[in-house]
Amino acid sequence: MATIDTVSTPRPGDIIIDIRHPDEVELQRLVLSSNTIICLPFFNLAQQLDTLDRQQPYLLYCKKGIMSRLHADTLQKNGFQQVGIYSPKGWPTSAKP
């Protein structure tokens, strides 16, 4: 099994897949100015693998990182070569007004 890196600053071109439950996303959105964020709940991720580009670098995000690591492993096992965990330190999020 390949190593799955954890990064706190995404590179340009990395796409963040926010795998949190939609209720969690609604309460506290992830905000990044230079990266695309896809909200794709963990419970739908496996069914959506064929809609994702296997050559694209992806970083998975969840609040604690446990689900991200689990699903990053699933992506790697399904042919995704550039997968990591996004773990921001003090990264800006915005609470729903």
PDB file of N, CA and C in Angstrom:
ATOM      1  N   MET A   1       0.846  -1.196   0.000  1.00  0.00           N
ATOM      2  CA  MET A   1       0.000   0.000   0.000  1.00  0.00           C
ATOM      3  C   MET A   1       0.880   1.244   0.000  1.00  0.00           C
ATOM      4  N   ALA A   2       0.549   2.199  -0.846  1.00  0.00           N
ATOM      5  CA  ALA A   2       1.302   3.444  -0.941  1.00  0.00           C
ATOM      6  C   ALA A   2       1.012   4.335   0.261  1.00  0.00           C
ATOM      7  N   THR A   3       1.966   5.177   0.564  1.00  0.00           N
ATOM      8  CA  THR A   3       1.809   6.137   1.648  1.00  0.00           C
ATOM      9  C   THR A   3       0.814   7.215   1.235  1.00  0.00           C
ATOM     10  N   ILE A   4       0.001   7.636   2.179  1.00  0.00           N
ATOM     11  CA  ILE A   4      -0.948   8.721   1.947  1.00  0.00           C
ATOM     12  C   ILE A   4      -0.461   9.919   2.746  1.00  0.00           C
ATOM     13  N   ASP A   5      -0.046  10.968   2.037  1.00  0.00           N
ATOM     14  CA  ASP A   5       0.484  12.164   2.689  1.00  0.00           C
ATOM     15  C   ASP A   5      -0.635  13.019   3.264  1.00  0.00           C
ATOM     16  N   THR A   6      -0.315  13.687   4.359  1.00  0.00           N
ATOM     17  CA  THR A   6      -1.207  14.673   4.950  1.00  0.00           C
ATOM     18  C   THR A   6      -0.574  16.035   4.744  1.00  0.00           C
ATOM     19  N   VAL A   7      -1.353  16.972   4.200  1.00  0.00           N
ATOM     20  CA  VAL A   7      -0.833  18.309   3.938  1.00  0.00           C
ATOM     21  C   VAL A   7      -1.722  19.354   4.588  1.00  0.00           C
ATOM     22  N   SER A   8      -1.101  20.461   5.001  1.00  0.00           N
ATOM     23  CA  SER A   8      -1.874  21.553   5.589  1.00  0.00           C
ATOM     24  C   SER A   8      -2.059  22.702   4.602  1.00  0.00           C
ATOM     25  N   THR A   9      -1.270  22.703   3.525  1.00  0.00           N
ATOM     26  CA  THR A   9      -1.401  23.725   2.491  1.00  0.00           C
ATOM     27  C   THR A   9      -1.486  23.039   1.129  1.00  0.00           C
ATOM     28  N   PRO A  10      -2.645  23.111   0.489  1.00  0.00           N
ATOM     29  CA  PRO A  10      -2.779  22.464  -0.810  1.00  0.00           C
ATOM     30  C   PRO A  10      -1.951  23.175  -1.878  1.00  0.00           C
ATOM     31  N   ARG A  11      -1.513  22.396  -2.842  1.00  0.00           N
ATOM     32  CA  ARG A  11      -0.783  22.966  -3.981  1.00  0.00           C
ATOM     33  C   ARG A  11      -1.785  23.501  -4.997  1.00  0.00           C
ATOM     34  N   PRO A  12      -1.346  24.434  -5.847  1.00  0.00           N
ATOM     35  CA  PRO A  12      -2.226  24.865  -6.930  1.00  0.00           C
ATOM     36  C   PRO A  12      -2.596  23.641  -7.774  1.00  0.00           C
ATOM     37  N   GLY A  13      -3.839  23.524  -8.122  1.00  0.00           N
ATOM     38  CA  GLY A  13      -4.292  22.399  -8.916  1.00  0.00           C
ATOM     39  C   GLY A  13      -4.862  21.249  -8.109  1.00  0.00           C
ATOM     40  N   ASP A  14      -4.548  21.193  -6.805  1.00  0.00           N
ATOM     41  CA  ASP A  14      -5.162  20.174  -5.959  1.00  0.00           C
ATOM     42  C   ASP A  14      -6.652  20.465  -5.844  1.00  0.00           C
ATOM     43  N   ILE A  15      -7.453  19.433  -5.959  1.00  0.00           N
ATOM     44  CA  ILE A  15      -8.885  19.576  -5.719  1.00  0.00           C
ATOM     45  C   ILE A  15      -9.174  18.964  -4.358  1.00  0.00           C
ATOM     46  N   ILE A  16      -9.893  19.710  -3.534  1.00  0.00           N
ATOM     47  CA  ILE A  16     -10.260  19.249  -2.203  1.00  0.00           C
ATOM     48  C   ILE A  16     -11.615  18.569  -2.307  1.00  0.00           C
ATOM     49  N   ILE A  17     -11.698  17.337  -1.813  1.00  0.00           N
ATOM     50  CA  ILE A  17     -12.981  16.645  -1.733  1.00  0.00           C
ATOM     51  C   ILE A  17     -13.398  16.658  -0.268  1.00  0.00           C
ATOM     52  N   ASP A  18     -14.418  17.448   0.009  1.00  0.00           N
ATOM     53  CA  ASP A  18     -14.968  17.557   1.364  1.00  0.00           C
ATOM     54  C   ASP A  18     -15.945  16.398   1.529  1.00  0.00           C
ATOM     55  N   ILE A  19     -15.546  15.392   2.327  1.00  0.00           N
ATOM     56  CA  ILE A  19     -16.373  14.188   2.452  1.00  0.00           C
ATOM     57  C   ILE A  19     -17.265  14.213   3.693  1.00  0.00           C
ATOM     58  N   ARG A  20     -17.346  15.358   4.345  1.00  0.00           N
ATOM     59  CA  ARG A  20     -18.202  15.449   5.533  1.00  0.00           C
ATOM     60  C   ARG A  20     -19.677  15.293   5.155  1.00  0.00           C
ATOM     61  N   HIS A  21     -20.485  14.962   6.139  1.00  0.00           N
ATOM     62  CA  HIS A  21     -21.929  14.874   5.956  1.00  0.00           C
ATOM     63  C   HIS A  21     -22.440  16.262   5.532  1.00  0.00           C
ATOM     64  N   PRO A  22     -23.433  16.319   4.651  1.00  0.00           N
ATOM     65  CA  PRO A  22     -23.951  17.624   4.197  1.00  0.00           C
ATOM     66  C   PRO A  22     -24.369  18.559   5.333  1.00  0.00           C
ATOM     67  N   ASP A  23     -24.888  18.016   6.418  1.00  0.00           N
ATOM     68  CA  ASP A  23     -25.258  18.864   7.562  1.00  0.00           C
ATOM     69  C   ASP A  23     -24.034  19.553   8.158  1.00  0.00           C
ATOM     70  N   GLU A  24     -22.919  18.827   8.232  1.00  0.00           N
ATOM     71  CA  GLU A  24     -21.667  19.398   8.741  1.00  0.00           C
ATOM     72  C   GLU A  24     -21.150  20.490   7.814  1.00  0.00           C
ATOM     73  N   VAL A  25     -21.216  20.229   6.521  1.00  0.00           N
ATOM     74  CA  VAL A  25     -20.761  21.211   5.530  1.00  0.00           C
ATOM     75  C   VAL A  25     -21.599  22.474   5.632  1.00  0.00           C
ATOM     76  N   GLU A  26     -22.901  22.307   5.797  1.00  0.00           N
ATOM     77  CA  GLU A  26     -23.805  23.450   5.896  1.00  0.00           C
ATOM     78  C   GLU A  26     -23.502  24.306   7.123  1.00  0.00           C
ATOM     79  N   LEU A  27     -23.147  23.668   8.220  1.00  0.00           N
ATOM     80  CA  LEU A  27     -22.842  24.401   9.450  1.00  0.00           C
ATOM     81  C   LEU A  27     -21.516  25.139   9.385  1.00  0.00           C
ATOM     82  N   GLN A  28     -20.539  24.550   8.700  1.00  0.00           N
ATOM     83  CA  GLN A  28     -19.224  25.181   8.631  1.00  0.00           C
ATOM     84  C   GLN A  28     -18.564  24.839   7.300  1.00  0.00           C
ATOM     85  N   ARG A  29     -18.698  25.759   6.377  1.00  0.00           N
ATOM     86  CA  ARG A  29     -18.145  25.549   5.042  1.00  0.00           C
ATOM     87  C   ARG A  29     -16.629  25.701   5.049  1.00  0.00           C
ATOM     88  N   LEU A  30     -16.003  24.915   4.209  1.00  0.00           N
ATOM     89  CA  LEU A  30     -14.572  25.009   3.984  1.00  0.00           C
ATOM     90  C   LEU A  30     -14.354  26.092   2.935  1.00  0.00           C
ATOM     91  N   VAL A  31     -13.460  27.035   3.219  1.00  0.00           N
ATOM     92  CA  VAL A  31     -13.220  28.154   2.312  1.00  0.00           C
ATOM     93  C   VAL A  31     -11.750  28.171   1.913  1.00  0.00           C
ATOM     94  N   LEU A  32     -11.504  28.074   0.623  1.00  0.00           N
ATOM     95  CA  LEU A  32     -10.154  28.193   0.068  1.00  0.00           C
ATOM     96  C   LEU A  32     -10.247  29.098  -1.142  1.00  0.00           C
ATOM     97  N   SER A  33      -9.306  30.005  -1.275  1.00  0.00           N
ATOM     98  CA  SER A  33      -9.386  30.949  -2.387  1.00  0.00           C
ATOM     99  C   SER A  33      -8.757  30.418  -3.671  1.00  0.00           C
ATOM    100  N   SER A  34      -7.833  29.470  -3.571  1.00  0.00           N
ATOM    101  CA  SER A  34      -7.112  29.076  -4.778  1.00  0.00           C
ATOM    102  C   SER A  34      -7.308  27.615  -5.188  1.00  0.00           C
ATOM    103  N   ASN A  35      -8.189  26.893  -4.542  1.00  0.00           N
ATOM    104  CA  ASN A  35      -8.420  25.495  -4.891  1.00  0.00           C
ATOM    105  C   ASN A  35      -9.909  25.227  -5.045  1.00  0.00           C
ATOM    106  N   THR A  36     -10.237  24.332  -5.944  1.00  0.00           N
ATOM    107  CA  THR A  36     -11.611  23.895  -6.114  1.00  0.00           C
ATOM    108  C   THR A  36     -11.964  22.951  -4.980  1.00  0.00           C
ATOM    109  N   ILE A  37     -13.178  23.096  -4.460  1.00  0.00           N
ATOM    110  CA  ILE A  37     -13.677  22.219  -3.407  1.00  0.00           C
ATOM    111  C   ILE A  37     -14.916  21.512  -3.945  1.00  0.00           C
ATOM    112  N   ILE A  38     -14.902  20.178  -3.846  1.00  0.00           N
ATOM    113  CA  ILE A  38     -16.046  19.374  -4.230  1.00  0.00           C
ATOM    114  C   ILE A  38     -16.645  18.809  -2.947  1.00  0.00           C
ATOM    115  N   CYS A  39     -17.915  19.051  -2.717  1.00  0.00           N
ATOM    116  CA  CYS A  39     -18.592  18.450  -1.568  1.00  0.00           C
ATOM    117  C   CYS A  39     -19.190  17.130  -2.030  1.00  0.00           C
ATOM    118  N   LEU A  40     -18.589  16.062  -1.557  1.00  0.00           N
ATOM    119  CA  LEU A  40     -19.002  14.717  -1.939  1.00  0.00           C
ATOM    120  C   LEU A  40     -18.997  13.856  -0.671  1.00  0.00           C
ATOM    121  N   PRO A  41     -20.156  13.709  -0.034  1.00  0.00           N
ATOM    122  CA  PRO A  41     -20.215  13.012   1.243  1.00  0.00           C
ATOM    123  C   PRO A  41     -19.611  11.616   1.179  1.00  0.00           C
ATOM    124  N   PHE A  42     -18.989  11.213   2.273  1.00  0.00           N
ATOM    125  CA  PHE A  42     -18.320   9.917   2.355  1.00  0.00           C
ATOM    126  C   PHE A  42     -19.228   8.769   1.941  1.00  0.00           C
ATOM    127  N   PHE A  43     -20.523   8.879   2.229  1.00  0.00           N
ATOM    128  CA  PHE A  43     -21.436   7.783   1.923  1.00  0.00           C
ATOM    129  C   PHE A  43     -21.798   7.707   0.441  1.00  0.00           C
ATOM    130  N   ASN A  44     -21.393   8.705  -0.355  1.00  0.00           N
ATOM    131  CA  ASN A  44     -21.618   8.687  -1.802  1.00  0.00           C
ATOM    132  C   ASN A  44     -20.326   8.539  -2.595  1.00  0.00           C
ATOM    133  N   LEU A  45     -19.196   8.622  -1.942  1.00  0.00           N
ATOM    134  CA  LEU A  45     -17.909   8.669  -2.639  1.00  0.00           C
ATOM    135  C   LEU A  45     -17.672   7.442  -3.521  1.00  0.00           C
ATOM    136  N   ALA A  46     -17.867   6.255  -2.995  1.00  0.00           N
ATOM    137  CA  ALA A  46     -17.596   5.034  -3.762  1.00  0.00           C
ATOM    138  C   ALA A  46     -18.427   4.967  -5.046  1.00  0.00           C
ATOM    139  N   GLN A  47     -19.671   5.439  -4.990  1.00  0.00           N
ATOM    140  CA  GLN A  47     -20.536   5.416  -6.162  1.00  0.00           C
ATOM    141  C   GLN A  47     -20.132   6.464  -7.202  1.00  0.00           C
ATOM    142  N   GLN A  48     -19.349   7.459  -6.799  1.00  0.00           N
ATOM    143  CA  GLN A  48     -18.978   8.558  -7.693  1.00  0.00           C
ATOM    144  C   GLN A  48     -17.558   8.431  -8.255  1.00  0.00           C
ATOM    145  N   LEU A  49     -16.842   7.369  -7.936  1.00  0.00           N
ATOM    146  CA  LEU A  49     -15.444   7.245  -8.365  1.00  0.00           C
ATOM    147  C   LEU A  49     -15.278   7.392  -9.872  1.00  0.00           C
ATOM    148  N   ASP A  50     -16.202   6.844 -10.655  1.00  0.00           N
ATOM    149  CA  ASP A  50     -16.061   6.913 -12.110  1.00  0.00           C
ATOM    150  C   ASP A  50     -16.303   8.314 -12.666  1.00  0.00           C
ATOM    151  N   THR A  51     -16.804   9.232 -11.853  1.00  0.00           N
ATOM    152  CA  THR A  51     -16.998  10.614 -12.310  1.00  0.00           C
ATOM    153  C   THR A  51     -15.758  11.471 -12.052  1.00  0.00           C
ATOM    154  N   LEU A  52     -14.783  10.913 -11.319  1.00  0.00           N
ATOM    155  CA  LEU A  52     -13.568  11.654 -10.975  1.00  0.00           C
ATOM    156  C   LEU A  52     -12.415  11.260 -11.895  1.00  0.00           C
ATOM    157  N   ASP A  53     -11.550  12.213 -12.194  1.00  0.00           N
ATOM    158  CA  ASP A  53     -10.377  12.003 -13.046  1.00  0.00           C
ATOM    159  C   ASP A  53      -9.271  11.338 -12.230  1.00  0.00           C
ATOM    160  N   ARG A  54      -8.887  10.138 -12.603  1.00  0.00           N
ATOM    161  CA  ARG A  54      -7.885   9.390 -11.843  1.00  0.00           C
ATOM    162  C   ARG A  54      -6.480  10.005 -11.931  1.00  0.00           C
ATOM    163  N   GLN A  55      -6.271  10.937 -12.840  1.00  0.00           N
ATOM    164  CA  GLN A  55      -4.969  11.607 -12.972  1.00  0.00           C
ATOM    165  C   GLN A  55      -4.896  12.903 -12.165  1.00  0.00           C
ATOM    166  N   GLN A  56      -6.019  13.382 -11.698  1.00  0.00           N
ATOM    167  CA  GLN A  56      -6.121  14.644 -10.952  1.00  0.00           C
ATOM    168  C   GLN A  56      -5.623  14.457  -9.519  1.00  0.00           C
ATOM    169  N   PRO A  57      -4.865  15.420  -8.981  1.00  0.00           N
ATOM    170  CA  PRO A  57      -4.510  15.339  -7.561  1.00  0.00           C
ATOM    171  C   PRO A  57      -5.699  15.757  -6.676  1.00  0.00           C
ATOM    172  N   TYR A  58      -6.029  14.893  -5.733  1.00  0.00           N
ATOM    173  CA  TYR A  58      -7.128  15.137  -4.803  1.00  0.00           C
ATOM    174  C   TYR A  58      -6.617  15.100  -3.373  1.00  0.00           C
ATOM    175  N   LEU A  59      -7.192  15.962  -2.551  1.00  0.00           N
ATOM    176  CA  LEU A  59      -6.974  15.928  -1.109  1.00  0.00           C
ATOM    177  C   LEU A  59      -8.341  15.744  -0.467  1.00  0.00           C
ATOM    178  N   LEU A  60      -8.468  14.750   0.384  1.00  0.00           N
ATOM    179  CA  LEU A  60      -9.732  14.503   1.054  1.00  0.00           C
ATOM    180  C   LEU A  60      -9.752  15.227   2.392  1.00  0.00           C
ATOM    181  N   TYR A  61     -10.921  15.762   2.730  1.00  0.00           N
ATOM    182  CA  TYR A  61     -11.059  16.538   3.960  1.00  0.00           C
ATOM    183  C   TYR A  61     -12.269  16.063   4.754  1.00  0.00           C
ATOM    184  N   CYS A  62     -12.044  15.861   6.047  1.00  0.00           N
ATOM    185  CA  CYS A  62     -13.109  15.681   7.017  1.00  0.00           C
ATOM    186  C   CYS A  62     -12.617  16.317   8.316  1.00  0.00           C
ATOM    187  N   LYS A  63     -13.476  16.437   9.276  1.00  0.00           N
ATOM    188  CA  LYS A  63     -13.127  17.181  10.486  1.00  0.00           C
ATOM    189  C   LYS A  63     -11.957  16.567  11.262  1.00  0.00           C
ATOM    190  N   LYS A  64     -11.961  15.250  11.451  1.00  0.00           N
ATOM    191  CA  LYS A  64     -10.932  14.611  12.264  1.00  0.00           C
ATOM    192  C   LYS A  64      -9.854  13.906  11.450  1.00  0.00           C
ATOM    193  N   GLY A  65     -10.098  13.683  10.171  1.00  0.00           N
ATOM    194  CA  GLY A  65      -9.105  13.042   9.316  1.00  0.00           C
ATOM    195  C   GLY A  65      -9.225  11.529   9.224  1.00  0.00           C
ATOM    196  N   ILE A  66     -10.043  10.934  10.060  1.00  0.00           N
ATOM    197  CA  ILE A  66     -10.180   9.479  10.063  1.00  0.00           C
ATOM    198  C   ILE A  66     -10.892   8.995   8.804  1.00  0.00           C
ATOM    199  N   MET A  67     -12.013   9.577   8.492  1.00  0.00           N
ATOM    200  CA  MET A  67     -12.750   9.188   7.286  1.00  0.00           C
ATOM    201  C   MET A  67     -11.957   9.538   6.032  1.00  0.00           C
ATOM    202  N   SER A  68     -11.229  10.651   6.069  1.00  0.00           N
ATOM    203  CA  SER A  68     -10.405  11.040   4.922  1.00  0.00           C
ATOM    204  C   SER A  68      -9.362   9.969   4.626  1.00  0.00           C
ATOM    205  N   ARG A  69      -8.691   9.500   5.650  1.00  0.00           N
ATOM    206  CA  ARG A  69      -7.657   8.478   5.466  1.00  0.00           C
ATOM    207  C   ARG A  69      -8.269   7.186   4.924  1.00  0.00           C
ATOM    208  N   LEU A  70      -9.380   6.772   5.471  1.00  0.00           N
ATOM    209  CA  LEU A  70     -10.057   5.562   5.023  1.00  0.00           C
ATOM    210  C   LEU A  70     -10.435   5.655   3.546  1.00  0.00           C
ATOM    211  N   HIS A  71     -11.015   6.776   3.160  1.00  0.00           N
ATOM    212  CA  HIS A  71     -11.475   6.929   1.784  1.00  0.00           C
ATOM    213  C   HIS A  71     -10.331   7.239   0.818  1.00  0.00           C
ATOM    214  N   ALA A  72      -9.271   7.859   1.283  1.00  0.00           N
ATOM    215  CA  ALA A  72      -8.088   8.052   0.435  1.00  0.00           C
ATOM    216  C   ALA A  72      -7.504   6.694   0.063  1.00  0.00           C
ATOM    217  N   ASP A  73      -7.491   5.779   1.005  1.00  0.00           N
ATOM    218  CA  ASP A  73      -7.021   4.422   0.736  1.00  0.00           C
ATOM    219  C   ASP A  73      -7.905   3.757  -0.328  1.00  0.00           C
ATOM    220  N   THR A  74      -9.206   3.949  -0.221  1.00  0.00           N
ATOM    221  CA  THR A  74     -10.138   3.400  -1.213  1.00  0.00           C
ATOM    222  C   THR A  74      -9.851   3.979  -2.601  1.00  0.00           C
ATOM    223  N   LEU A  75      -9.608   5.286  -2.676  1.00  0.00           N
ATOM    224  CA  LEU A  75      -9.291   5.897  -3.963  1.00  0.00           C
ATOM    225  C   LEU A  75      -8.013   5.300  -4.538  1.00  0.00           C
ATOM    226  N   GLN A  76      -6.981   5.155  -3.722  1.00  0.00           N
ATOM    227  CA  GLN A  76      -5.730   4.562  -4.200  1.00  0.00           C
ATOM    228  C   GLN A  76      -5.958   3.150  -4.727  1.00  0.00           C
ATOM    229  N   LYS A  77      -6.719   2.370  -4.027  1.00  0.00           N
ATOM    230  CA  LYS A  77      -7.003   0.995  -4.450  1.00  0.00           C
ATOM    231  C   LYS A  77      -7.809   0.946  -5.743  1.00  0.00           C
ATOM    232  N   ASN A  78      -8.437   2.079  -6.106  1.00  0.00           N
ATOM    233  CA  ASN A  78      -9.220   2.161  -7.329  1.00  0.00           C
ATOM    234  C   ASN A  78      -8.506   2.932  -8.434  1.00  0.00           C
ATOM    235  N   GLY A  79      -7.187   3.055  -8.327  1.00  0.00           N
ATOM    236  CA  GLY A  79      -6.389   3.614  -9.411  1.00  0.00           C
ATOM    237  C   GLY A  79      -6.072   5.089  -9.343  1.00  0.00           C
ATOM    238  N   PHE A  80      -6.438   5.755  -8.278  1.00  0.00           N
ATOM    239  CA  PHE A  80      -6.097   7.169  -8.121  1.00  0.00           C
ATOM    240  C   PHE A  80      -4.675   7.248  -7.564  1.00  0.00           C
ATOM    241  N   GLN A  81      -3.784   7.920  -8.304  1.00  0.00           N
ATOM    242  CA  GLN A  81      -2.371   7.949  -7.941  1.00  0.00           C
ATOM    243  C   GLN A  81      -1.993   9.137  -7.051  1.00  0.00           C
ATOM    244  N   GLN A  82      -2.713  10.239  -7.160  1.00  0.00           N
ATOM    245  CA  GLN A  82      -2.355  11.470  -6.447  1.00  0.00           C
ATOM    246  C   GLN A  82      -3.433  11.813  -5.422  1.00  0.00           C
ATOM    247  N   VAL A  83      -3.398  11.100  -4.304  1.00  0.00           N
ATOM    248  CA  VAL A  83      -4.407  11.271  -3.264  1.00  0.00           C
ATOM    249  C   VAL A  83      -3.708  11.585  -1.947  1.00  0.00           C
ATOM    250  N   GLY A  84      -4.263  12.541  -1.224  1.00  0.00           N
ATOM    251  CA  GLY A  84      -3.724  12.886   0.081  1.00  0.00           C
ATOM    252  C   GLY A  84      -4.838  13.294   1.018  1.00  0.00           C
ATOM    253  N   ILE A  85      -4.434  13.659   2.224  1.00  0.00           N
ATOM    254  CA  ILE A  85      -5.365  14.125   3.250  1.00  0.00           C
ATOM    255  C   ILE A  85      -5.108  15.617   3.455  1.00  0.00           C
ATOM    256  N   TYR A  86      -6.169  16.400   3.445  1.00  0.00           N
ATOM    257  CA  TYR A  86      -6.063  17.828   3.736  1.00  0.00           C
ATOM    258  C   TYR A  86      -6.411  18.030   5.203  1.00  0.00           C
ATOM    259  N   SER A  87      -5.443  18.537   5.961  1.00  0.00           N
ATOM    260  CA  SER A  87      -5.629  18.782   7.383  1.00  0.00           C
ATOM    261  C   SER A  87      -5.174  20.201   7.707  1.00  0.00           C
ATOM    262  N   PRO A  88      -6.072  21.176   7.524  1.00  0.00           N
ATOM    263  CA  PRO A  88      -5.683  22.567   7.756  1.00  0.00           C
ATOM    264  C   PRO A  88      -5.401  22.843   9.221  1.00  0.00           C
ATOM    265  N   LYS A  89      -4.449  23.706   9.442  1.00  0.00           N
ATOM    266  CA  LYS A  89      -4.138  24.157  10.801  1.00  0.00           C
ATOM    267  C   LYS A  89      -4.565  25.621  10.881  1.00  0.00           C
ATOM    268  N   GLY A  90      -5.677  25.864  11.564  1.00  0.00           N
ATOM    269  CA  GLY A  90      -6.174  27.227  11.676  1.00  0.00           C
ATOM    270  C   GLY A  90      -6.696  27.780  10.358  1.00  0.00           C
ATOM    271  N   TRP A  91      -7.051  26.865   9.443  1.00  0.00           N
ATOM    272  CA  TRP A  91      -7.530  27.286   8.127  1.00  0.00           C
ATOM    273  C   TRP A  91      -8.887  27.928   8.233  1.00  0.00           C
ATOM    274  N   PRO A  92      -9.136  28.969   7.423  1.00  0.00           N
ATOM    275  CA  PRO A  92     -10.426  29.668   7.528  1.00  0.00           C
ATOM    276  C   PRO A  92     -11.598  28.810   7.055  1.00  0.00           C
ATOM    277  N   THR A  93     -12.610  28.767   7.856  1.00  0.00           N
ATOM    278  CA  THR A  93     -13.891  28.188   7.460  1.00  0.00           C
ATOM    279  C   THR A  93     -14.917  29.267   7.758  1.00  0.00           C
ATOM    280  N   SER A  94     -16.072  29.119   7.190  1.00  0.00           N
ATOM    281  CA  SER A  94     -17.077  30.131   7.487  1.00  0.00           C
ATOM    282  C   SER A  94     -18.322  29.441   8.037  1.00  0.00           C
ATOM    283  N   ALA A  95     -18.748  29.881   9.191  1.00  0.00           N
ATOM    284  CA  ALA A  95     -19.968  29.351   9.772  1.00  0.00           C
ATOM    285  C   ALA A  95     -21.161  29.922   9.028  1.00  0.00           C
ATOM    286  N   LYS A  96     -22.208  29.160   8.937  1.00  0.00           N
ATOM    287  CA  LYS A  96     -23.423  29.632   8.266  1.00  0.00           C
ATOM    288  C   LYS A  96     -24.000  30.804   9.046  1.00  0.00           C
ATOM    289  N   PRO A  97     -24.326  31.901   8.336  1.00  0.00           N
ATOM    290  CA  PRO A  97     -24.871  33.069   9.052  1.00  0.00           C
ATOM    291  C   PRO A  97     -26.239  32.804   9.634  1.00  0.00           C
TER     292      PRO A  97
END
